[in-house]
C-alpha atoms as a PDB file:
ATOM      1  CA  UNK A   1     -22.275   5.933 -20.117  1.00  0.00           C
ATOM      2  CA  UNK A   2     -21.734   9.207 -18.241  1.00  0.00           C
ATOM      3  CA  UNK A   3     -19.265   9.410 -15.376  1.00  0.00           C
ATOM      4  CA  UNK A   4     -18.081  11.839 -12.746  1.00  0.00           C
ATOM      5  CA  UNK A   5     -14.555  13.206 -13.095  1.00  0.00           C
ATOM      6  CA  UNK A   6     -12.519  14.546 -10.175  1.00  0.00           C
ATOM      7  CA  UNK A   7     -10.056  17.260 -11.183  1.00  0.00           C
ATOM      8  CA  UNK A   8      -7.303  18.720  -9.029  1.00  0.00           C
ATOM      9  CA  UNK A   9      -5.212  21.019 -11.220  1.00  0.00           C
ATOM     10  CA  UNK A  10      -5.761  23.206 -14.263  1.00  0.00           C
ATOM     11  CA  UNK A  11      -9.086  21.459 -14.981  1.00  0.00           C
ATOM     12  CA  UNK A  12     -10.536  22.868 -11.748  1.00  0.00           C
ATOM     13  CA  UNK A  13     -10.944  26.032 -13.839  1.00  0.00           C
ATOM     14  CA  UNK A  14     -14.331  25.582 -15.488  1.00  0.00           C
ATOM     15  CA  UNK A  15     -13.230  27.503 -18.589  1.00  0.00           C
ATOM     16  CA  UNK A  16     -10.239  25.218 -19.117  1.00  0.00           C
ATOM     17  CA  UNK A  17     -12.332  22.111 -18.466  1.00  0.00           C
ATOM     18  CA  UNK A  18     -14.966  23.241 -20.992  1.00  0.00           C
ATOM     19  CA  UNK A  19     -12.311  23.949 -23.610  1.00  0.00           C
ATOM     20  CA  UNK A  20     -10.527  20.625 -23.124  1.00  0.00           C
ATOM     21  CA  UNK A  21     -13.634  18.443 -22.679  1.00  0.00           C
ATOM     22  CA  UNK A  22     -15.577  20.132 -25.463  1.00  0.00           C
ATOM     23  CA  UNK A  23     -18.442  21.345 -23.271  1.00  0.00           C
ATOM     24  CA  UNK A  24     -19.528  22.521 -19.841  1.00  0.00           C
ATOM     25  CA  UNK A  25     -20.572  20.202 -17.018  1.00  0.00           C
ATOM     26  CA  UNK A  26     -22.125  20.842 -13.633  1.00  0.00           C
ATOM     27  CA  UNK A  27     -19.568  20.700 -10.855  1.00  0.00           C
ATOM     28  CA  UNK A  28     -18.986  20.984  -7.146  1.00  0.00           C
ATOM     29  CA  UNK A  29     -16.062  21.119  -4.757  1.00  0.00           C
ATOM     30  CA  UNK A  30     -14.804  17.722  -3.597  1.00  0.00           C
ATOM     31  CA  UNK A  31     -12.005  16.178  -1.542  1.00  0.00           C
ATOM     32  CA  UNK A  32      -9.995  13.098  -2.468  1.00  0.00           C
ATOM     33  CA  UNK A  33      -8.432  11.266   0.467  1.00  0.00           C
ATOM     34  CA  UNK A  34      -5.444   8.958   0.198  1.00  0.00           C
ATOM     35  CA  UNK A  35      -3.654  10.972  -2.498  1.00  0.00           C
ATOM     36  CA  UNK A  36      -1.084  13.775  -2.538  1.00  0.00           C
ATOM     37  CA  UNK A  37      -0.755  16.503  -5.191  1.00  0.00           C
ATOM     38  CA  UNK A  38       2.680  17.648  -6.366  1.00  0.00           C
ATOM     39  CA  UNK A  39       3.995  20.015  -9.025  1.00  0.00           C
ATOM     40  CA  UNK A  40       5.374  18.349 -12.153  1.00  0.00           C
ATOM     41  CA  UNK A  41       8.911  19.464 -13.033  1.00  0.00           C
ATOM     42  CA  UNK A  42       8.997  22.302 -15.604  1.00  0.00           C
ATOM     43  CA  UNK A  43       5.183  22.404 -15.905  1.00  0.00           C
ATOM     44  CA  UNK A  44       2.390  24.617 -14.551  1.00  0.00           C
ATOM     45  CA  UNK A  45       0.150  21.628 -13.760  1.00  0.00           C
ATOM     46  CA  UNK A  46       0.266  19.027 -10.976  1.00  0.00           C
ATOM     47  CA  UNK A  47      -0.104  15.287 -10.590  1.00  0.00           C
ATOM     48  CA  UNK A  48      -1.574  13.141  -7.850  1.00  0.00           C
ATOM     49  CA  UNK A  49      -0.135   9.930  -6.457  1.00  0.00           C
ATOM     50  CA  UNK A  50      -1.443   7.569  -3.773  1.00  0.00           C
ATOM     51  CA  UNK A  51      -0.264   8.647  -0.324  1.00  0.00           C
ATOM     52  CA  UNK A  52      -1.658   7.367   2.964  1.00  0.00           C
ATOM     53  CA  UNK A  53      -2.973  10.174   5.158  1.00  0.00           C
ATOM     54  CA  UNK A  54      -2.896  12.837   2.444  1.00  0.00           C
ATOM     55  CA  UNK A  55      -5.877  14.642   0.860  1.00  0.00           C
ATOM     56  CA  UNK A  56      -6.392  16.715  -2.271  1.00  0.00           C
ATOM     57  CA  UNK A  57      -9.022  19.436  -2.707  1.00  0.00           C
ATOM     58  CA  UNK A  58     -10.501  19.619  -6.184  1.00  0.00           C
ATOM     59  CA  UNK A  59     -13.576  19.889  -8.345  1.00  0.00           C
ATOM     60  CA  UNK A  60     -15.995  17.100  -9.259  1.00  0.00           C
ATOM     61  CA  UNK A  61     -17.617  17.347 -12.691  1.00  0.00           C
ATOM     62  CA  UNK A  62     -20.809  15.333 -13.070  1.00  0.00           C
ATOM     63  CA  UNK A  63     -22.246  13.468 -16.054  1.00  0.00           C
ATOM     64  CA  UNK A  64     -19.143  13.670 -18.216  1.00  0.00           C
ATOM     65  CA  UNK A  65     -19.948  11.871 -21.464  1.00  0.00           C
ATOM     66  CA  UNK A  66     -17.800   9.398 -23.414  1.00  0.00           C
ATOM     67  CA  UNK A  67     -16.718  11.980 -26.004  1.00  0.00           C
ATOM     68  CA  UNK A  68     -15.496  14.319 -23.264  1.00  0.00           C
ATOM     69  CA  UNK A  69     -13.673  11.480 -21.514  1.00  0.00           C
ATOM     70  CA  UNK A  70     -11.935  10.599 -24.767  1.00  0.00           C
ATOM     71  CA  UNK A  71     -10.777  14.213 -25.102  1.00  0.00           C
ATOM     72  CA  UNK A  72      -9.632  14.224 -21.469  1.00  0.00           C
ATOM     73  CA  UNK A  73      -7.708  10.970 -21.982  1.00  0.00           C
ATOM     74  CA  UNK A  74      -5.877  12.534 -24.940  1.00  0.00           C
ATOM     75  CA  UNK A  75      -5.240  15.747 -22.988  1.00  0.00           C
ATOM     76  CA  UNK A  76      -3.804  13.940 -19.959  1.00  0.00           C
ATOM     77  CA  UNK A  77      -1.596  11.719 -22.118  1.00  0.00           C
ATOM     78  CA  UNK A  78       0.546   8.734 -21.286  1.00  0.00           C
ATOM     79  CA  UNK A  79       1.801   9.989 -17.909  1.00  0.00           C
ATOM     80  CA  UNK A  80      -1.659   9.688 -16.357  1.00  0.00           C
ATOM     81  CA  UNK A  81      -4.056   6.769 -15.874  1.00  0.00           C
ATOM     82  CA  UNK A  82      -7.799   7.360 -15.493  1.00  0.00           C
ATOM     83  CA  UNK A  83      -8.480   5.659 -12.168  1.00  0.00           C
ATOM     84  CA  UNK A  84     -11.679   4.986 -10.170  1.00  0.00           C
ATOM     85  CA  UNK A  85     -11.767   6.961  -6.910  1.00  0.00           C
ATOM     86  CA  UNK A  86     -14.295   7.922  -4.248  1.00  0.00           C
ATOM     87  CA  UNK A  87     -14.481  11.592  -3.253  1.00  0.00           C
ATOM     88  CA  UNK A  88     -16.019  13.392  -0.309  1.00  0.00           C
ATOM     89  CA  UNK A  89     -18.589  16.093  -1.087  1.00  0.00           C
ATOM     90  CA  UNK A  90     -19.121  19.333   0.875  1.00  0.00           C
ATOM     91  CA  UNK A  91     -22.224  17.882   2.575  1.00  0.00           C
ATOM     92  CA  UNK A  92     -20.211  14.900   3.855  1.00  0.00           C
ATOM     93  CA  UNK A  93     -21.601  12.528   1.233  1.00  0.00           C
ATOM     94  CA  UNK A  94     -19.468  10.457  -1.096  1.00  0.00           C
ATOM     95  CA  UNK A  95     -19.398  10.069  -4.862  1.00  0.00           C
ATOM     96  CA  UNK A  96     -17.687   7.607  -7.178  1.00  0.00           C
ATOM     97  CA  UNK A  97     -15.588   9.316  -9.819  1.00  0.00           C
ATOM     98  CA  UNK A  98     -12.581   8.917 -12.029  1.00  0.00           C
ATOM     99  CA  UNK A  99      -9.360  10.883 -11.617  1.00  0.00           C
ATOM    100  CA  UNK A 100      -6.166  11.073 -13.615  1.00  0.00           C
ATOM    101  CA  UNK A 101      -3.427   9.578 -11.429  1.00  0.00           C
ATOM    102  CA  UNK A 102       0.257   9.903 -12.300  1.00  0.00           C
ATOM    103  CA  UNK A 103       1.731   6.600 -13.433  1.00  0.00           C
ATOM    104  CA  UNK A 104       4.609   5.274 -11.260  1.00  0.00           C
ATOM    105  CA  UNK A 105       6.991   5.256 -14.256  1.00  0.00           C
ATOM    106  CA  UNK A 106       6.838   9.074 -14.330  1.00  0.00           C
ATOM    107  CA  UNK A 107       7.066   9.819 -10.588  1.00  0.00           C
ATOM    108  CA  UNK A 108      10.691  10.963 -10.993  1.00  0.00           C
ATOM    109  CA  UNK A 109       9.207  14.134 -12.550  1.00  0.00           C
ATOM    110  CA  UNK A 110       7.336  15.088  -9.365  1.00  0.00           C
ATOM    111  CA  UNK A 111       8.652  17.975  -7.328  1.00  0.00           C
ATOM    112  CA  UNK A 112       8.475  18.095  -3.529  1.00  0.00           C
ATOM    113  CA  UNK A 113       5.721  20.037  -1.821  1.00  0.00           C
ATOM    114  CA  UNK A 114       2.095  20.773  -2.605  1.00  0.00           C
ATOM    115  CA  UNK A 115       0.983  22.282  -5.924  1.00  0.00           C
ATOM    116  CA  UNK A 116      -0.704  25.629  -5.220  1.00  0.00           C
ATOM    117  CA  UNK A 117      -3.952  26.354  -7.112  1.00  0.00           C
ATOM    118  CA  UNK A 118      -4.031  30.026  -6.077  1.00  0.00           C
ATOM    119  CA  UNK A 119      -0.496  30.471  -7.402  1.00  0.00           C
ATOM    120  CA  UNK A 120      -1.579  28.777 -10.651  1.00  0.00           C
ATOM    121  CA  UNK A 121      -4.471  31.232 -11.008  1.00  0.00           C
ATOM    122  CA  UNK A 122      -2.214  34.219 -10.343  1.00  0.00           C
ATOM    123  CA  UNK A 123       0.901  33.181 -12.266  1.00  0.00           C
ATOM    124  CA  UNK A 124       0.400  30.017 -14.288  1.00  0.00           C
ATOM    125  CA  UNK A 125      -3.034  30.059 -15.880  1.00  0.00           C
ATOM    126  CA  UNK A 126      -2.230  32.566 -18.638  1.00  0.00           C
ATOM    127  CA  UNK A 127       0.895  30.592 -19.585  1.00  0.00           C
ATOM    128  CA  UNK A 128      -1.082  27.357 -19.487  1.00  0.00           C
ATOM    129  CA  UNK A 129      -3.823  28.755 -21.731  1.00  0.00           C
ATOM    130  CA  UNK A 130      -1.310  30.107 -24.235  1.00  0.00           C
ATOM    131  CA  UNK A 131       0.478  26.777 -24.344  1.00  0.00           C
ATOM    132  CA  UNK A 132      -2.604  24.554 -24.590  1.00  0.00           C
ATOM    133  CA  UNK A 133      -5.004  26.783 -26.506  1.00  0.00           C
ATOM    134  CA  UNK A 134      -4.830  24.693 -29.694  1.00  0.00           C
ATOM    135  CA  UNK A 135      -5.805  21.504 -27.884  1.00  0.00           C
ATOM    136  CA  UNK A 136      -9.499  22.343 -28.258  1.00  0.00           C
ATOM    137  CA  UNK A 137      -9.260  21.445 -31.958  1.00  0.00           C
ATOM    138  CA  UNK A 138      -9.385  17.671 -31.329  1.00  0.00           C
END
């Protein structure tokens, strides 16, 4: 069964998503309400946690197949749980999706403030790619 996957960090980059998931998927901008995005200590990537009144801008990938989801589960690891969410689309519509939410046991690793995607593109993406390049060999 194919699913939609909401991404909010490094996987918003279509090249990183394709490498990690093992293929390209159609995507669109989306907004997730009721969650906040924070940097993870000593990492270039963020995490989201439930937070009333907060919202996270991200990218919604459509028709993600089971093999890609398995690769994404392995990539995200034990600190994240794939969780059903509902996102808002640019046209005001809604879509059911799954997102990787930080597990409460790891929240002590979250840093204050909002993770900055533009800063990631300018300063963190190259480091991220160098560090995770071998992951595509799953």
